[in-house]
């Protein structure tokens, strides 16, 4: 059933199921991107007008709860898209945004550009390669990419393997509810998606990519002129994902997993 005042069209919802992501332009105002970016520049310790201070290829900043970030994460457009992709009442209102991997033009390899999916539980283990993912995406409803700066093809846009979420779903299904660690997925899953086409998460500041939690993605070296500011928070679930529903009210997240396993 299509929701009243739907943000995403039926074609966009079908594309999400097939490709694993959808781009929402003007998801939050450029004004909020500018205000948030000013806060982030301050915390990098770098000077936006002095390139000699840009000494590292990537600076990672944590979660933020300042007003620009809270407002950017909770626009009517985003809430409407969350309802369509995850389900009404099935997601938790974001309290802010983070983490921010800020990528600078730099000749050095950033050292974090491997293909992966974001783990969703088991975070109490000090070795992040032991963090886990399972077929019902315990602990994560969506991966979100918030563009806080204009991002072109040379500005280190996140690389997305189109349709990789379907392959990962099949790999995870074989592991049952316990799922797999990132280390196990690196052996069993990511190479299986290497043949898939790539898309780039480009767009104007204020764009948000809403991604299936199983989408394989990767960073890359910045080859442009201006630093790239992006947040990559999860959308947290209010209730667990269900692959068997008596009422048949499956979300596109669940439909994609079910189709992968059919």
Protein backbone atom coordinates (compact mmCIF):
# COMPACT_ATOMS: atom_id res chain seq x y z
CA UNK A 1 0.00 0.00 0.00
CA UNK A 2 1.35 3.43 -0.96
CA UNK A 3 1.55 5.88 1.94
CA UNK A 4 -0.19 9.24 1.71
CA UNK A 5 2.31 11.98 0.87
CA UNK A 6 4.90 9.39 -0.19
CA UNK A 7 8.41 10.74 -0.75
CA UNK A 8 9.68 7.89 -2.93
CA UNK A 9 7.88 6.83 -6.09
CA UNK A 10 6.94 3.20 -6.79
CA UNK A 11 9.77 3.07 -9.35
CA UNK A 12 12.25 4.28 -6.73
CA UNK A 13 11.05 1.66 -4.26
CA UNK A 14 11.45 -1.08 -6.87
CA UNK A 15 14.92 0.24 -7.73
CA UNK A 16 15.85 0.15 -4.04
CA UNK A 17 14.89 -3.54 -3.84
CA UNK A 18 16.89 -4.34 -6.98
CA UNK A 19 19.98 -2.12 -6.55
CA UNK A 20 20.17 -1.73 -2.77
CA UNK A 21 20.01 2.06 -2.57
CA UNK A 22 18.09 5.16 -3.54
CA UNK A 23 19.31 8.77 -3.76
CA UNK A 24 17.13 11.42 -2.13
CA UNK A 25 18.01 14.88 -3.43
CA UNK A 26 17.33 17.89 -1.20
CA UNK A 27 16.77 15.58 1.75
CA UNK A 28 17.87 18.41 4.04
CA UNK A 29 18.53 22.12 3.37
CA UNK A 30 21.92 23.33 2.17
CA UNK A 31 21.80 25.83 5.06
CA UNK A 32 22.07 22.95 7.52
CA UNK A 33 24.93 21.43 5.53
CA UNK A 34 26.80 24.74 5.69
CA UNK A 35 26.19 25.13 9.44
CA UNK A 36 27.20 21.55 10.16
CA UNK A 37 30.29 21.78 8.00
CA UNK A 38 31.48 24.84 9.95
CA UNK A 39 31.29 22.81 13.17
CA UNK A 40 33.14 19.91 11.57
CA UNK A 41 35.89 22.15 10.18
CA UNK A 42 36.46 23.46 13.70
CA UNK A 43 36.83 19.97 15.11
CA UNK A 44 39.21 18.73 12.40
CA UNK A 45 41.84 21.18 13.64
CA UNK A 46 42.38 22.16 10.01
CA UNK A 47 42.01 25.57 8.37
CA UNK A 48 39.67 25.62 5.35
CA UNK A 49 41.77 28.43 3.86
CA UNK A 50 45.20 26.89 4.47
CA UNK A 51 45.88 23.67 2.56
CA UNK A 52 49.13 23.14 4.46
CA UNK A 53 46.98 22.15 7.45
CA UNK A 54 45.38 19.32 5.45
CA UNK A 55 48.03 16.84 6.49
CA UNK A 56 46.01 13.59 6.58
CA UNK A 57 43.92 11.86 3.91
CA UNK A 58 41.05 11.25 6.32
CA UNK A 59 39.96 12.69 9.66
CA UNK A 60 37.28 10.75 11.55
CA UNK A 61 34.91 12.56 13.86
CA UNK A 62 32.30 10.97 16.11
CA UNK A 63 28.60 11.48 16.54
CA UNK A 64 27.10 14.98 16.73
CA UNK A 65 23.93 16.20 18.44
CA UNK A 66 24.19 19.89 17.58
CA UNK A 67 21.05 21.47 16.16
CA UNK A 68 22.10 21.42 12.47
CA UNK A 69 22.75 17.69 12.61
CA UNK A 70 19.57 16.81 14.50
CA UNK A 71 17.49 18.87 12.07
CA UNK A 72 19.27 17.43 9.03
CA UNK A 73 18.55 13.88 10.19
CA UNK A 74 14.87 14.52 10.86
CA UNK A 75 13.34 16.35 7.92
CA UNK A 76 9.84 15.42 6.74
CA UNK A 77 11.37 14.06 3.52
CA UNK A 78 13.63 11.67 5.39
CA UNK A 79 10.96 10.56 7.85
CA UNK A 80 8.66 9.85 4.93
CA UNK A 81 11.34 7.82 3.17
CA UNK A 82 12.09 5.89 6.37
CA UNK A 83 8.40 5.02 6.67
CA UNK A 84 8.36 3.74 3.09
CA UNK A 85 11.58 1.72 3.24
CA UNK A 86 11.48 0.37 6.81
CA UNK A 87 7.83 0.72 7.81
CA UNK A 88 5.74 3.07 9.94
CA UNK A 89 6.66 2.63 13.60
CA UNK A 90 9.56 0.32 12.78
CA UNK A 91 12.46 2.81 13.08
CA UNK A 92 13.90 5.05 15.79
CA UNK A 93 14.11 8.81 15.32
CA UNK A 94 17.82 9.69 14.82
CA UNK A 95 19.20 11.61 17.83
CA UNK A 96 21.89 13.21 15.66
CA UNK A 97 24.46 12.19 13.07
CA UNK A 98 27.81 10.40 12.93
CA UNK A 99 30.36 9.03 12.19
CA UNK A 100 31.98 11.61 9.86
CA UNK A 101 34.95 10.35 7.79
CA UNK A 102 36.16 13.65 6.31
CA UNK A 103 38.35 13.01 3.27
CA UNK A 104 40.99 15.47 2.12
CA UNK A 105 42.83 15.76 -1.21
CA UNK A 106 46.03 13.89 -0.38
CA UNK A 107 48.58 11.71 -2.21
CA UNK A 108 48.61 9.01 0.48
CA UNK A 109 46.36 5.96 0.47
CA UNK A 110 43.69 6.53 3.15
CA UNK A 111 44.14 2.96 4.37
CA UNK A 112 40.42 2.31 4.82
CA UNK A 113 39.19 1.82 1.28
CA UNK A 114 38.35 -1.89 1.35
CA UNK A 115 34.97 -3.29 0.30
CA UNK A 116 32.72 -4.10 3.25
CA UNK A 117 29.26 -3.95 4.80
CA UNK A 118 28.66 -2.14 8.07
CA UNK A 119 28.34 -4.46 11.07
CA UNK A 120 25.20 -4.09 13.17
CA UNK A 121 25.79 -5.99 16.42
CA UNK A 122 28.56 -7.49 18.56
CA UNK A 123 30.13 -4.08 19.03
CA UNK A 124 31.30 -4.96 22.55
CA UNK A 125 34.17 -6.94 21.02
CA UNK A 126 37.32 -4.75 20.89
CA UNK A 127 38.28 -6.26 17.51
CA UNK A 128 35.93 -4.63 15.00
CA UNK A 129 36.53 -7.49 12.55
CA UNK A 130 34.58 -9.66 15.02
CA UNK A 131 31.51 -7.43 14.81
CA UNK A 132 28.59 -9.22 13.22
CA UNK A 133 25.78 -9.09 10.66
CA UNK A 134 22.90 -11.54 10.31
CA UNK A 135 20.23 -12.20 7.73
CA UNK A 136 17.58 -10.16 9.56
CA UNK A 137 20.02 -7.24 9.96
CA UNK A 138 19.83 -7.25 13.74
CA UNK A 139 20.53 -3.74 15.03
CA UNK A 140 20.38 -1.82 11.73
CA UNK A 141 17.49 -0.83 9.48
CA UNK A 142 19.39 1.26 6.91
CA UNK A 143 22.84 2.57 6.10
CA UNK A 144 22.59 6.32 5.46
CA UNK A 145 25.06 8.54 3.61
CA UNK A 146 24.50 12.24 4.32
CA UNK A 147 26.37 14.59 1.99
CA UNK A 148 27.42 17.73 3.88
CA UNK A 149 29.45 19.03 0.94
CA UNK A 150 29.06 18.87 -2.83
CA UNK A 151 30.56 15.55 -3.95
CA UNK A 152 31.71 14.99 -7.52
CA UNK A 153 33.41 11.97 -9.04
CA UNK A 154 36.88 13.14 -7.95
CA UNK A 155 35.83 14.03 -4.40
CA UNK A 156 36.14 10.55 -2.86
CA UNK A 157 32.48 9.55 -3.30
CA UNK A 158 31.56 6.28 -1.61
CA UNK A 159 31.61 3.40 -4.08
CA UNK A 160 28.52 1.18 -4.11
CA UNK A 161 28.29 -2.32 -5.60
CA UNK A 162 24.93 -2.34 -7.32
CA UNK A 163 22.76 -5.27 -6.21
CA UNK A 164 25.37 -6.63 -3.79
CA UNK A 165 22.85 -6.71 -0.94
CA UNK A 166 21.17 -9.70 -2.58
CA UNK A 167 24.35 -11.76 -2.65
CA UNK A 168 25.16 -10.83 0.95
CA UNK A 169 21.66 -11.86 2.04
CA UNK A 170 22.20 -15.33 0.59
CA UNK A 171 25.60 -15.63 2.27
CA UNK A 172 24.17 -14.58 5.63
CA UNK A 173 21.19 -16.91 5.36
CA UNK A 174 23.51 -19.91 5.43
CA UNK A 175 24.86 -18.73 8.82
CA UNK A 176 21.50 -18.58 10.61
CA UNK A 177 20.61 -16.13 13.35
CA UNK A 178 24.19 -15.91 14.64
CA UNK A 179 25.26 -14.40 11.34
CA UNK A 180 28.86 -13.80 10.34
CA UNK A 181 31.68 -11.59 11.52
CA UNK A 182 33.18 -8.99 9.24
CA UNK A 183 36.24 -11.21 9.02
CA UNK A 184 34.13 -14.16 7.86
CA UNK A 185 32.26 -11.97 5.39
CA UNK A 186 35.53 -10.72 3.98
CA UNK A 187 36.38 -14.33 3.16
CA UNK A 188 32.92 -15.57 2.16
CA UNK A 189 31.01 -12.62 0.78
CA UNK A 190 32.73 -9.63 -0.68
CA UNK A 191 34.60 -11.42 -3.47
CA UNK A 192 31.29 -12.88 -4.63
CA UNK A 193 30.15 -9.35 -5.46
CA UNK A 194 33.31 -8.23 -7.30
CA UNK A 195 31.71 -8.71 -10.72
CA UNK A 196 28.84 -6.29 -10.02
CA UNK A 197 28.71 -2.78 -11.49
CA UNK A 198 29.70 0.17 -9.32
CA UNK A 199 27.84 3.39 -8.61
CA UNK A 200 29.23 6.52 -6.94
CA UNK A 201 27.49 8.39 -4.13
CA UNK A 202 27.79 11.81 -5.74
CA UNK A 203 25.48 14.78 -5.38
CA UNK A 204 24.94 18.23 -3.96
CA UNK A 205 25.15 19.00 -0.26
CA UNK A 206 21.81 18.02 1.25
CA UNK A 207 21.63 14.73 -0.66
CA UNK A 208 21.14 11.50 1.29
CA UNK A 209 21.69 7.97 0.01
CA UNK A 210 19.40 5.47 1.72
CA UNK A 211 21.07 2.08 1.48
CA UNK A 212 20.06 -1.47 2.28
CA UNK A 213 22.07 -2.60 5.33
CA UNK A 214 23.70 -5.39 3.28
CA UNK A 215 24.96 -3.11 0.50
CA UNK A 216 28.68 -3.64 -0.14
CA UNK A 217 30.49 -0.31 -0.34
CA UNK A 218 33.95 1.21 -0.09
CA UNK A 219 35.77 4.47 0.41
CA UNK A 220 38.39 5.75 -2.02
CA UNK A 221 41.24 8.24 -2.31
CA UNK A 222 40.30 11.91 -2.75
CA UNK A 223 41.51 13.24 -6.12
CA UNK A 224 39.62 16.53 -6.15
CA UNK A 225 40.24 19.98 -4.73
CA UNK A 226 37.91 20.41 -1.73
CA UNK A 227 37.46 18.09 1.27
CA UNK A 228 34.44 15.81 1.31
CA UNK A 229 32.15 15.99 4.34
CA UNK A 230 29.83 13.00 4.81
CA UNK A 231 28.02 11.30 7.68
CA UNK A 232 27.40 7.56 7.59
CA UNK A 233 25.03 6.76 10.47
CA UNK A 234 22.76 3.75 10.77
CA UNK A 235 19.02 4.09 11.00
CA UNK A 236 18.21 2.00 14.05
CA UNK A 237 15.21 -0.34 14.08
CA UNK A 238 12.41 0.00 16.64
CA UNK A 239 11.37 -3.62 16.01
CA UNK A 240 13.27 -6.54 14.46
CA UNK A 241 13.15 -7.21 10.74
CA UNK A 242 10.80 -10.10 9.96
CA UNK A 243 11.08 -12.36 6.94
CA UNK A 244 7.77 -14.10 7.68
CA UNK A 245 4.74 -11.88 8.34
CA UNK A 246 1.18 -13.18 8.69
CA UNK A 247 -0.23 -9.94 7.28
CA UNK A 248 2.22 -9.81 4.37
CA UNK A 249 3.13 -6.18 5.22
CA UNK A 250 6.75 -6.51 4.19
CA UNK A 251 8.98 -3.47 3.92
CA UNK A 252 11.26 -3.03 0.88
CA UNK A 253 14.15 -3.99 3.19
CA UNK A 254 12.48 -7.32 3.89
CA UNK A 255 11.24 -7.78 0.32
CA UNK A 256 14.80 -7.54 -0.99
CA UNK A 257 16.02 -10.20 1.46
CA UNK A 258 13.09 -12.48 0.69
CA UNK A 259 13.62 -12.15 -3.05
CA UNK A 260 17.32 -12.92 -2.63
CA UNK A 261 16.47 -16.11 -0.75
CA UNK A 262 13.61 -17.25 -2.98
